[in-house]
Amino acid sequence: MYEAEEAKRIGLIDSVVEEATLMEESFQAATTLAEKHPAAFRSIKRLLREPIVEGFKSTELASIKEFVQIWYSEATWKNLLKVQIR
């Protein structure tokens, strides 16, 4: 976990507020975002998410290949043949 100021310094958060004003400032931030043009907001979200999605795709493909290789291995099938259901 990061302390609030450290999280702000490394860019995980935009600001640090007092607990007493948290709800008010959160509402203001949400209102500001809601006032943005929907198409522009969608575009920036897509641009920010795209690298993450691409990373998941390559990781997912590698995981699937690894699973298939293990599942269809001779060792796995020998172990499955030993299983007895009672």
PDB file of N, CA and C in Angstrom:
ATOM      1  N   MET A   1       0.833  -1.182   0.000  1.00  0.00           N
ATOM      2  CA  MET A   1       0.000   0.000   0.000  1.00  0.00           C
ATOM      3  C   MET A   1       0.876   1.242   0.000  1.00  0.00           C
ATOM      4  N   TYR A   2       0.357   2.264  -0.593  1.00  0.00           N
ATOM      5  CA  TYR A   2       1.053   3.548  -0.630  1.00  0.00           C
ATOM      6  C   TYR A   2       0.361   4.540   0.293  1.00  0.00           C
ATOM      7  N   GLU A   3       1.145   5.388   0.884  1.00  0.00           N
ATOM      8  CA  GLU A   3       0.580   6.521   1.605  1.00  0.00           C
ATOM      9  C   GLU A   3       0.013   7.467   0.554  1.00  0.00           C
ATOM     10  N   ALA A   4      -0.933   8.307   0.938  1.00  0.00           N
ATOM     11  CA  ALA A   4      -1.620   9.190  -0.004  1.00  0.00           C
ATOM     12  C   ALA A   4      -0.651  10.069  -0.794  1.00  0.00           C
ATOM     13  N   GLU A   5       0.279  10.707  -0.131  1.00  0.00           N
ATOM     14  CA  GLU A   5       1.205  11.608  -0.826  1.00  0.00           C
ATOM     15  C   GLU A   5       2.108  10.853  -1.790  1.00  0.00           C
ATOM     16  N   GLU A   6       2.526   9.648  -1.416  1.00  0.00           N
ATOM     17  CA  GLU A   6       3.359   8.824  -2.298  1.00  0.00           C
ATOM     18  C   GLU A   6       2.569   8.403  -3.534  1.00  0.00           C
ATOM     19  N   ALA A   7       1.313   8.009  -3.343  1.00  0.00           N
ATOM     20  CA  ALA A   7       0.454   7.628  -4.462  1.00  0.00           C
ATOM     21  C   ALA A   7       0.286   8.799  -5.426  1.00  0.00           C
ATOM     22  N   LYS A   8       0.146   9.991  -4.889  1.00  0.00           N
ATOM     23  CA  LYS A   8       0.023  11.177  -5.735  1.00  0.00           C
ATOM     24  C   LYS A   8       1.331  11.452  -6.465  1.00  0.00           C
ATOM     25  N   ARG A   9       2.439  11.338  -5.765  1.00  0.00           N
ATOM     26  CA  ARG A   9       3.740  11.621  -6.356  1.00  0.00           C
ATOM     27  C   ARG A   9       4.043  10.703  -7.538  1.00  0.00           C
ATOM     28  N   ILE A  10       3.656   9.424  -7.446  1.00  0.00           N
ATOM     29  CA  ILE A  10       3.966   8.495  -8.538  1.00  0.00           C
ATOM     30  C   ILE A  10       2.852   8.410  -9.579  1.00  0.00           C
ATOM     31  N   GLY A  11       1.802   9.208  -9.429  1.00  0.00           N
ATOM     32  CA  GLY A  11       0.774   9.309 -10.458  1.00  0.00           C
ATOM     33  C   GLY A  11      -0.384   8.342 -10.354  1.00  0.00           C
ATOM     34  N   LEU A  12      -0.525   7.652  -9.236  1.00  0.00           N
ATOM     35  CA  LEU A  12      -1.667   6.747  -9.077  1.00  0.00           C
ATOM     36  C   LEU A  12      -2.962   7.502  -8.828  1.00  0.00           C
ATOM     37  N   ILE A  13      -2.856   8.661  -8.227  1.00  0.00           N
ATOM     38  CA  ILE A  13      -4.028   9.494  -7.947  1.00  0.00           C
ATOM     39  C   ILE A  13      -3.724  10.929  -8.342  1.00  0.00           C
ATOM     40  N   ASP A  14      -4.769  11.719  -8.528  1.00  0.00           N
ATOM     41  CA  ASP A  14      -4.604  13.113  -8.937  1.00  0.00           C
ATOM     42  C   ASP A  14      -4.507  14.079  -7.771  1.00  0.00           C
ATOM     43  N   SER A  15      -5.180  13.753  -6.676  1.00  0.00           N
ATOM     44  CA  SER A  15      -5.174  14.682  -5.554  1.00  0.00           C
ATOM     45  C   SER A  15      -5.403  13.950  -4.238  1.00  0.00           C
ATOM     46  N   VAL A  16      -5.049  14.639  -3.163  1.00  0.00           N
ATOM     47  CA  VAL A  16      -5.255  14.141  -1.812  1.00  0.00           C
ATOM     48  C   VAL A  16      -6.156  15.152  -1.120  1.00  0.00           C
ATOM     49  N   VAL A  17      -7.227  14.664  -0.504  1.00  0.00           N
ATOM     50  CA  VAL A  17      -8.165  15.569   0.174  1.00  0.00           C
ATOM     51  C   VAL A  17      -8.395  15.088   1.598  1.00  0.00           C
ATOM     52  N   GLU A  18      -8.893  16.001   2.396  1.00  0.00           N
ATOM     53  CA  GLU A  18      -9.239  15.665   3.774  1.00  0.00           C
ATOM     54  C   GLU A  18     -10.503  14.803   3.773  1.00  0.00           C
ATOM     55  N   GLU A  19     -10.606  13.921   4.761  1.00  0.00           N
ATOM     56  CA  GLU A  19     -11.774  13.052   4.859  1.00  0.00           C
ATOM     57  C   GLU A  19     -13.074  13.855   4.940  1.00  0.00           C
ATOM     58  N   ALA A  20     -13.019  14.986   5.605  1.00  0.00           N
ATOM     59  CA  ALA A  20     -14.218  15.806   5.783  1.00  0.00           C
ATOM     60  C   ALA A  20     -14.768  16.335   4.457  1.00  0.00           C
ATOM     61  N   THR A  21     -13.911  16.514   3.455  1.00  0.00           N
ATOM     62  CA  THR A  21     -14.359  17.055   2.168  1.00  0.00           C
ATOM     63  C   THR A  21     -14.366  16.016   1.057  1.00  0.00           C
ATOM     64  N   LEU A  22     -14.100  14.766   1.403  1.00  0.00           N
ATOM     65  CA  LEU A  22     -13.984  13.707   0.396  1.00  0.00           C
ATOM     66  C   LEU A  22     -15.234  13.572  -0.466  1.00  0.00           C
ATOM     67  N   MET A  23     -16.397  13.469   0.136  1.00  0.00           N
ATOM     68  CA  MET A  23     -17.633  13.286  -0.634  1.00  0.00           C
ATOM     69  C   MET A  23     -17.902  14.478  -1.539  1.00  0.00           C
ATOM     70  N   GLU A  24     -17.741  15.666  -1.020  1.00  0.00           N
ATOM     71  CA  GLU A  24     -17.985  16.884  -1.804  1.00  0.00           C
ATOM     72  C   GLU A  24     -17.032  16.949  -3.002  1.00  0.00           C
ATOM     73  N   GLU A  25     -15.755  16.701  -2.761  1.00  0.00           N
ATOM     74  CA  GLU A  25     -14.767  16.778  -3.836  1.00  0.00           C
ATOM     75  C   GLU A  25     -14.933  15.624  -4.833  1.00  0.00           C
ATOM     76  N   SER A  26     -15.340  14.450  -4.346  1.00  0.00           N
ATOM     77  CA  SER A  26     -15.601  13.322  -5.240  1.00  0.00           C
ATOM     78  C   SER A  26     -16.778  13.631  -6.155  1.00  0.00           C
ATOM     79  N   PHE A  27     -17.823  14.219  -5.585  1.00  0.00           N
ATOM     80  CA  PHE A  27     -18.992  14.588  -6.372  1.00  0.00           C
ATOM     81  C   PHE A  27     -18.607  15.619  -7.431  1.00  0.00           C
ATOM     82  N   GLN A  28     -17.788  16.587  -7.053  1.00  0.00           N
ATOM     83  CA  GLN A  28     -17.349  17.617  -8.009  1.00  0.00           C
ATOM     84  C   GLN A  28     -16.527  16.991  -9.136  1.00  0.00           C
ATOM     85  N   ALA A  29     -15.645  16.055  -8.807  1.00  0.00           N
ATOM     86  CA  ALA A  29     -14.838  15.393  -9.835  1.00  0.00           C
ATOM     87  C   ALA A  29     -15.732  14.594 -10.779  1.00  0.00           C
ATOM     88  N   ALA A  30     -16.714  13.880 -10.225  1.00  0.00           N
ATOM     89  CA  ALA A  30     -17.639  13.107 -11.050  1.00  0.00           C
ATOM     90  C   ALA A  30     -18.471  14.022 -11.948  1.00  0.00           C
ATOM     91  N   THR A  31     -18.898  15.160 -11.407  1.00  0.00           N
ATOM     92  CA  THR A  31     -19.667  16.131 -12.194  1.00  0.00           C
ATOM     93  C   THR A  31     -18.829  16.675 -13.347  1.00  0.00           C
ATOM     94  N   THR A  32     -17.583  16.990 -13.073  1.00  0.00           N
ATOM     95  CA  THR A  32     -16.683  17.497 -14.115  1.00  0.00           C
ATOM     96  C   THR A  32     -16.519  16.466 -15.231  1.00  0.00           C
ATOM     97  N   LEU A  33     -16.336  15.221 -14.869  1.00  0.00           N
ATOM     98  CA  LEU A  33     -16.201  14.166 -15.876  1.00  0.00           C
ATOM     99  C   LEU A  33     -17.497  13.984 -16.662  1.00  0.00           C
ATOM    100  N   ALA A  34     -18.634  14.049 -15.975  1.00  0.00           N
ATOM    101  CA  ALA A  34     -19.926  13.870 -16.631  1.00  0.00           C
ATOM    102  C   ALA A  34     -20.221  14.978 -17.640  1.00  0.00           C
ATOM    103  N   GLU A  35     -19.609  16.143 -17.458  1.00  0.00           N
ATOM    104  CA  GLU A  35     -19.837  17.267 -18.359  1.00  0.00           C
ATOM    105  C   GLU A  35     -19.023  17.170 -19.654  1.00  0.00           C
ATOM    106  N   LYS A  36     -18.089  16.227 -19.721  1.00  0.00           N
ATOM    107  CA  LYS A  36     -17.269  16.077 -20.917  1.00  0.00           C
ATOM    108  C   LYS A  36     -18.108  15.516 -22.055  1.00  0.00           C
ATOM    109  N   HIS A  37     -17.710  15.834 -23.287  1.00  0.00           N
ATOM    110  CA  HIS A  37     -18.410  15.314 -24.456  1.00  0.00           C
ATOM    111  C   HIS A  37     -18.274  13.792 -24.447  1.00  0.00           C
ATOM    112  N   PRO A  38     -19.379  13.062 -24.549  1.00  0.00           N
ATOM    113  CA  PRO A  38     -19.329  11.602 -24.455  1.00  0.00           C
ATOM    114  C   PRO A  38     -18.361  10.943 -25.444  1.00  0.00           C
ATOM    115  N   ALA A  39     -18.315  11.416 -26.681  1.00  0.00           N
ATOM    116  CA  ALA A  39     -17.428  10.804 -27.678  1.00  0.00           C
ATOM    117  C   ALA A  39     -15.960  10.999 -27.293  1.00  0.00           C
ATOM    118  N   ALA A  40     -15.630  12.189 -26.790  1.00  0.00           N
ATOM    119  CA  ALA A  40     -14.249  12.449 -26.376  1.00  0.00           C
ATOM    120  C   ALA A  40     -13.893  11.591 -25.165  1.00  0.00           C
ATOM    121  N   PHE A  41     -14.817  11.463 -24.257  1.00  0.00           N
ATOM    122  CA  PHE A  41     -14.587  10.660 -23.053  1.00  0.00           C
ATOM    123  C   PHE A  41     -14.385   9.192 -23.431  1.00  0.00           C
ATOM    124  N   ARG A  42     -15.231   8.669 -24.334  1.00  0.00           N
ATOM    125  CA  ARG A  42     -15.081   7.285 -24.798  1.00  0.00           C
ATOM    126  C   ARG A  42     -13.731   7.087 -25.464  1.00  0.00           C
ATOM    127  N   SER A  43     -13.326   8.048 -26.261  1.00  0.00           N
ATOM    128  CA  SER A  43     -12.068   7.951 -26.994  1.00  0.00           C
ATOM    129  C   SER A  43     -10.877   7.868 -26.056  1.00  0.00           C
ATOM    130  N   ILE A  44     -10.820   8.738 -25.072  1.00  0.00           N
ATOM    131  CA  ILE A  44      -9.678   8.733 -24.163  1.00  0.00           C
ATOM    132  C   ILE A  44      -9.670   7.460 -23.315  1.00  0.00           C
ATOM    133  N   LYS A  45     -10.843   6.969 -22.916  1.00  0.00           N
ATOM    134  CA  LYS A  45     -10.899   5.723 -22.159  1.00  0.00           C
ATOM    135  C   LYS A  45     -10.389   4.559 -23.013  1.00  0.00           C
ATOM    136  N   ARG A  46     -10.775   4.536 -24.288  1.00  0.00           N
ATOM    137  CA  ARG A  46     -10.310   3.478 -25.188  1.00  0.00           C
ATOM    138  C   ARG A  46      -8.798   3.548 -25.339  1.00  0.00           C
ATOM    139  N   LEU A  47      -8.270   4.745 -25.532  1.00  0.00           N
ATOM    140  CA  LEU A  47      -6.825   4.906 -25.691  1.00  0.00           C
ATOM    141  C   LEU A  47      -6.059   4.469 -24.450  1.00  0.00           C
ATOM    142  N   LEU A  48      -6.618   4.728 -23.285  1.00  0.00           N
ATOM    143  CA  LEU A  48      -5.965   4.335 -22.043  1.00  0.00           C
ATOM    144  C   LEU A  48      -6.053   2.826 -21.807  1.00  0.00           C
ATOM    145  N   ARG A  49      -7.163   2.223 -22.210  1.00  0.00           N
ATOM    146  CA  ARG A  49      -7.373   0.800 -21.950  1.00  0.00           C
ATOM    147  C   ARG A  49      -6.735  -0.111 -22.997  1.00  0.00           C
ATOM    148  N   GLU A  50      -6.563   0.385 -24.213  1.00  0.00           N
ATOM    149  CA  GLU A  50      -6.100  -0.450 -25.316  1.00  0.00           C
ATOM    150  C   GLU A  50      -4.803  -1.216 -25.010  1.00  0.00           C
ATOM    151  N   PRO A  51      -3.762  -0.566 -24.476  1.00  0.00           N
ATOM    152  CA  PRO A  51      -2.539  -1.320 -24.185  1.00  0.00           C
ATOM    153  C   PRO A  51      -2.762  -2.425 -23.152  1.00  0.00           C
ATOM    154  N   ILE A  52      -3.641  -2.189 -22.202  1.00  0.00           N
ATOM    155  CA  ILE A  52      -3.933  -3.198 -21.180  1.00  0.00           C
ATOM    156  C   ILE A  52      -4.646  -4.384 -21.806  1.00  0.00           C
ATOM    157  N   VAL A  53      -5.618  -4.099 -22.674  1.00  0.00           N
ATOM    158  CA  VAL A  53      -6.371  -5.161 -23.337  1.00  0.00           C
ATOM    159  C   VAL A  53      -5.435  -5.994 -24.211  1.00  0.00           C
ATOM    160  N   GLU A  54      -4.554  -5.334 -24.949  1.00  0.00           N
ATOM    161  CA  GLU A  54      -3.616  -6.063 -25.802  1.00  0.00           C
ATOM    162  C   GLU A  54      -2.704  -6.951 -24.965  1.00  0.00           C
ATOM    163  N   GLY A  55      -2.280  -6.462 -23.815  1.00  0.00           N
ATOM    164  CA  GLY A  55      -1.457  -7.271 -22.919  1.00  0.00           C
ATOM    165  C   GLY A  55      -2.203  -8.506 -22.434  1.00  0.00           C
ATOM    166  N   PHE A  56      -3.496  -8.337 -22.106  1.00  0.00           N
ATOM    167  CA  PHE A  56      -4.307  -9.472 -21.679  1.00  0.00           C
ATOM    168  C   PHE A  56      -4.447 -10.491 -22.799  1.00  0.00           C
ATOM    169  N   LYS A  57      -4.629 -10.003 -24.026  1.00  0.00           N
ATOM    170  CA  LYS A  57      -4.795 -10.918 -25.156  1.00  0.00           C
ATOM    171  C   LYS A  57      -3.588 -11.820 -25.314  1.00  0.00           C
ATOM    172  N   SER A  58      -2.392 -11.249 -25.273  1.00  0.00           N
ATOM    173  CA  SER A  58      -1.196 -12.067 -25.460  1.00  0.00           C
ATOM    174  C   SER A  58      -0.984 -13.006 -24.276  1.00  0.00           C
ATOM    175  N   THR A  59      -1.263 -12.534 -23.072  1.00  0.00           N
ATOM    176  CA  THR A  59      -1.133 -13.385 -21.886  1.00  0.00           C
ATOM    177  C   THR A  59      -2.155 -14.510 -21.931  1.00  0.00           C
ATOM    178  N   GLU A  60      -3.381 -14.188 -22.342  1.00  0.00           N
ATOM    179  CA  GLU A  60      -4.434 -15.192 -22.408  1.00  0.00           C
ATOM    180  C   GLU A  60      -4.081 -16.272 -23.424  1.00  0.00           C
ATOM    181  N   LEU A  61      -3.589 -15.875 -24.582  1.00  0.00           N
ATOM    182  CA  LEU A  61      -3.218 -16.838 -25.609  1.00  0.00           C
ATOM    183  C   LEU A  61      -2.111 -17.761 -25.102  1.00  0.00           C
ATOM    184  N   ALA A  62      -1.119 -17.185 -24.444  1.00  0.00           N
ATOM    185  CA  ALA A  62      -0.029 -17.992 -23.895  1.00  0.00           C
ATOM    186  C   ALA A  62      -0.558 -18.961 -22.841  1.00  0.00           C
ATOM    187  N   SER A  63      -1.487 -18.506 -22.000  1.00  0.00           N
ATOM    188  CA  SER A  63      -2.064 -19.367 -20.962  1.00  0.00           C
ATOM    189  C   SER A  63      -2.854 -20.519 -21.575  1.00  0.00           C
ATOM    190  N   ILE A  64      -3.612 -20.228 -22.607  1.00  0.00           N
ATOM    191  CA  ILE A  64      -4.395 -21.270 -23.274  1.00  0.00           C
ATOM    192  C   ILE A  64      -3.465 -22.306 -23.900  1.00  0.00           C
ATOM    193  N   LYS A  65      -2.426 -21.852 -24.563  1.00  0.00           N
ATOM    194  CA  LYS A  65      -1.472 -22.774 -25.175  1.00  0.00           C
ATOM    195  C   LYS A  65      -0.810 -23.655 -24.120  1.00  0.00           C
ATOM    196  N   GLU A  66      -0.449 -23.049 -22.990  1.00  0.00           N
ATOM    197  CA  GLU A  66       0.176 -23.810 -21.915  1.00  0.00           C
ATOM    198  C   GLU A  66      -0.791 -24.864 -21.368  1.00  0.00           C
ATOM    199  N   PHE A  67      -2.054 -24.471 -21.153  1.00  0.00           N
ATOM    200  CA  PHE A  67      -3.058 -25.409 -20.653  1.00  0.00           C
ATOM    201  C   PHE A  67      -3.237 -26.574 -21.611  1.00  0.00           C
ATOM    202  N   VAL A  68      -3.381 -26.285 -22.887  1.00  0.00           N
ATOM    203  CA  VAL A  68      -3.581 -27.340 -23.887  1.00  0.00           C
ATOM    204  C   VAL A  68      -2.386 -28.285 -23.911  1.00  0.00           C
ATOM    205  N   GLN A  69      -1.208 -27.731 -23.856  1.00  0.00           N
ATOM    206  CA  GLN A  69       0.000 -28.555 -23.859  1.00  0.00           C
ATOM    207  C   GLN A  69       0.034 -29.490 -22.642  1.00  0.00           C
ATOM    208  N   ILE A  70      -0.320 -28.969 -21.483  1.00  0.00           N
ATOM    209  CA  ILE A  70      -0.331 -29.786 -20.267  1.00  0.00           C
ATOM    210  C   ILE A  70      -1.465 -30.802 -20.312  1.00  0.00           C
ATOM    211  N   TRP A  71      -2.671 -30.356 -20.686  1.00  0.00           N
ATOM    212  CA  TRP A  71      -3.840 -31.232 -20.678  1.00  0.00           C
ATOM    213  C   TRP A  71      -3.659 -32.438 -21.601  1.00  0.00           C
ATOM    214  N   TYR A  72      -3.092 -32.197 -22.762  1.00  0.00           N
ATOM    215  CA  TYR A  72      -2.933 -33.277 -23.730  1.00  0.00           C
ATOM    216  C   TYR A  72      -1.596 -33.998 -23.611  1.00  0.00           C
ATOM    217  N   SER A  73      -0.876 -33.746 -22.555  1.00  0.00           N
ATOM    218  CA  SER A  73       0.406 -34.431 -22.364  1.00  0.00           C
ATOM    219  C   SER A  73       0.166 -35.876 -21.959  1.00  0.00           C
ATOM    220  N   GLU A  74       1.112 -36.706 -22.248  1.00  0.00           N
ATOM    221  CA  GLU A  74       1.026 -38.121 -21.900  1.00  0.00           C
ATOM    222  C   GLU A  74       0.909 -38.301 -20.388  1.00  0.00           C
ATOM    223  N   ALA A  75       1.659 -37.515 -19.630  1.00  0.00           N
ATOM    224  CA  ALA A  75       1.632 -37.621 -18.170  1.00  0.00           C
ATOM    225  C   ALA A  75       0.240 -37.343 -17.610  1.00  0.00           C
ATOM    226  N   THR A  76      -0.433 -36.321 -18.123  1.00  0.00           N
ATOM    227  CA  THR A  76      -1.780 -35.990 -17.647  1.00  0.00           C
ATOM    228  C   THR A  76      -2.737 -37.131 -17.939  1.00  0.00           C
ATOM    229  N   TRP A  77      -2.684 -37.661 -19.142  1.00  0.00           N
ATOM    230  CA  TRP A  77      -3.612 -38.729 -19.504  1.00  0.00           C
ATOM    231  C   TRP A  77      -3.345 -39.999 -18.724  1.00  0.00           C
ATOM    232  N   LYS A  78      -2.089 -40.289 -18.423  1.00  0.00           N
ATOM    233  CA  LYS A  78      -1.780 -41.453 -17.581  1.00  0.00           C
ATOM    234  C   LYS A  78      -2.392 -41.265 -16.200  1.00  0.00           C
ATOM    235  N   ASN A  79      -2.280 -40.060 -15.649  1.00  0.00           N
ATOM    236  CA  ASN A  79      -2.872 -39.778 -14.332  1.00  0.00           C
ATOM    237  C   ASN A  79      -4.391 -39.855 -14.367  1.00  0.00           C
ATOM    238  N   LEU A  80      -5.007 -39.372 -15.430  1.00  0.00           N
ATOM    239  CA  LEU A  80      -6.464 -39.426 -15.541  1.00  0.00           C
ATOM    240  C   LEU A  80      -6.970 -40.866 -15.619  1.00  0.00           C
ATOM    241  N   LEU A  81      -6.222 -41.707 -16.280  1.00  0.00           N
ATOM    242  CA  LEU A  81      -6.631 -43.110 -16.389  1.00  0.00           C
ATOM    243  C   LEU A  81      -6.586 -43.812 -15.037  1.00  0.00           C
ATOM    244  N   LYS A  82      -5.807 -43.308 -14.118  1.00  0.00           N
ATOM    245  CA  LYS A  82      -5.700 -43.901 -12.776  1.00  0.00           C
ATOM    246  C   LYS A  82      -6.863 -43.511 -11.867  1.00  0.00           C
ATOM    247  N   VAL A  83      -7.600 -42.471 -12.233  1.00  0.00           N
ATOM    248  CA  VAL A  83      -8.696 -41.979 -11.396  1.00  0.00           C
ATOM    249  C   VAL A  83      -9.852 -42.955 -11.445  1.00  0.00           C
ATOM    250  N   GLN A  84     -10.355 -43.310 -10.281  1.00  0.00           N
ATOM    251  CA  GLN A  84     -11.495 -44.202 -10.189  1.00  0.00           C
ATOM    252  C   GLN A  84     -12.636 -43.486  -9.479  1.00  0.00           C
ATOM    253  N   ILE A  85     -13.782 -43.480 -10.074  1.00  0.00           N
ATOM    254  CA  ILE A  85     -14.962 -42.856  -9.468  1.00  0.00           C
ATOM    255  C   ILE A  85     -15.743 -43.962  -8.775  1.00  0.00           C
ATOM    256  N   ARG A  86     -16.066 -43.739  -7.538  1.00  0.00           N
ATOM    257  CA  ARG A  86     -16.763 -44.769  -6.749  1.00  0.00           C
ATOM    258  C   ARG A  86     -18.164 -44.358  -6.472  1.00  0.00           C
TER     259      ARG A  86
END
